[in-house]
Protein backbone atom coordinates (compact mmCIF):
# COMPACT_ATOMS: atom_id res chain seq x y z
CA UNK A 1 24.33 1.35 54.02
CA UNK A 2 22.19 4.43 54.39
CA UNK A 3 25.19 6.22 52.15
CA UNK A 4 24.99 3.52 49.53
CA UNK A 5 21.19 3.82 49.22
CA UNK A 6 21.54 7.60 49.10
CA UNK A 7 24.18 7.14 46.24
CA UNK A 8 22.09 4.93 44.36
CA UNK A 9 18.87 7.09 44.56
CA UNK A 10 20.98 10.24 43.46
CA UNK A 11 22.42 8.29 40.48
CA UNK A 12 18.85 6.88 39.33
CA UNK A 13 17.45 10.37 39.56
CA UNK A 14 20.43 11.92 37.55
CA UNK A 15 20.16 8.93 35.01
CA UNK A 16 16.24 9.67 34.48
CA UNK A 17 16.57 13.27 34.40
CA UNK A 18 19.47 12.98 31.47
CA UNK A 19 17.38 10.37 29.66
CA UNK A 20 14.17 12.80 29.71
CA UNK A 21 16.36 15.59 28.56
CA UNK A 22 17.56 13.75 25.49
CA UNK A 23 14.55 11.97 24.51
CA UNK A 24 12.79 13.72 21.56
CA UNK A 25 9.10 14.48 22.09
CA UNK A 26 6.61 11.90 20.68
CA UNK A 27 4.59 14.54 18.39
CA UNK A 28 3.80 14.15 15.12
CA UNK A 29 6.04 15.72 12.58
CA UNK A 30 5.50 18.62 10.26
CA UNK A 31 5.05 16.57 7.30
CA UNK A 32 1.92 14.25 8.27
CA UNK A 33 0.11 12.20 5.67
CA UNK A 34 -2.98 10.27 5.07
CA UNK A 35 -3.58 7.26 3.22
CA UNK A 36 -6.62 7.36 0.94
CA UNK A 37 -7.49 5.85 -2.55
CA UNK A 38 -4.24 3.98 -2.37
CA UNK A 39 -2.08 7.22 -2.06
CA UNK A 40 -0.19 9.22 0.52
CA UNK A 41 -1.92 12.58 0.65
CA UNK A 42 -0.27 15.59 2.49
CA UNK A 43 -1.86 17.22 5.50
CA UNK A 44 -4.37 19.92 4.42
CA UNK A 45 -5.06 18.52 0.94
CA UNK A 46 -8.61 17.72 -0.23
CA UNK A 47 -9.52 14.74 -2.43
CA UNK A 48 -12.45 12.72 -3.34
CA UNK A 49 -12.36 9.37 -1.35
CA UNK A 50 -13.70 6.46 -2.94
CA UNK A 51 -15.29 4.07 -0.40
CA UNK A 52 -16.23 0.62 -1.89
CA UNK A 53 -17.49 0.65 -5.20
CA UNK A 54 -20.51 3.13 -4.78
CA UNK A 55 -19.79 5.87 -2.05
CA UNK A 56 -17.80 8.82 -2.66
CA UNK A 57 -17.31 11.97 -1.03
CA UNK A 58 -15.08 15.08 -0.75
CA UNK A 59 -12.69 14.74 2.43
CA UNK A 60 -9.60 16.71 3.86
CA UNK A 61 -6.66 15.32 5.49
CA UNK A 62 -6.53 16.58 9.08
CA UNK A 63 -4.70 15.95 12.11
CA UNK A 64 -6.71 14.84 15.02
CA UNK A 65 -4.55 14.83 18.44
CA UNK A 66 -1.49 13.00 17.28
CA UNK A 67 -2.78 11.10 14.37
CA UNK A 68 -3.95 11.86 10.86
CA UNK A 69 -7.51 11.27 9.69
CA UNK A 70 -10.08 11.86 6.88
CA UNK A 71 -12.58 14.88 7.48
CA UNK A 72 -15.72 14.63 5.49
CA UNK A 73 -16.54 17.73 3.74
CA UNK A 74 -19.50 16.95 1.72
CA UNK A 75 -21.35 14.06 0.17
CA UNK A 76 -20.30 13.19 -3.54
CA UNK A 77 -17.48 14.89 -5.45
CA UNK A 78 -17.56 17.65 -7.88
CA UNK A 79 -17.66 16.70 -11.65
CA UNK A 80 -16.62 19.10 -14.25
CA UNK A 81 -17.98 18.89 -17.72
CA UNK A 82 -17.22 20.73 -20.89
CA UNK A 83 -19.33 23.13 -22.32
CA UNK A 84 -20.76 22.77 -25.87
CA UNK A 85 -18.53 25.47 -26.95
CA UNK A 86 -15.53 24.42 -25.35
CA UNK A 87 -15.84 20.92 -27.16
CA UNK A 88 -16.33 22.21 -30.38
CA UNK A 89 -13.37 24.53 -30.02
CA UNK A 90 -11.27 21.60 -28.87
CA UNK A 91 -12.46 19.55 -31.78
CA UNK A 92 -11.31 22.28 -34.13
CA UNK A 93 -8.06 22.50 -32.49
CA UNK A 94 -7.15 19.03 -32.74
CA UNK A 95 -8.31 18.88 -36.45
């Protein structure tokens, strides 16, 4: 009886050890992505997030513990504008 219990215990410990050695760790992979504005964005990318119809801000896709999340960088989003000189030159090039 005692010998059977010892054998079962040894088998159980061996099984758990083998299972532990061959189980991959539950860490996030290297190619993590965030979901923003309906698109998948790679970790480290910066985009202008649109929240609802009025709120917009610049955010970076980052990993927090084992999950990806958005980190707010600044309120609002940068807007590029053509200078009058560039607009005139573009009009001349197009004809």
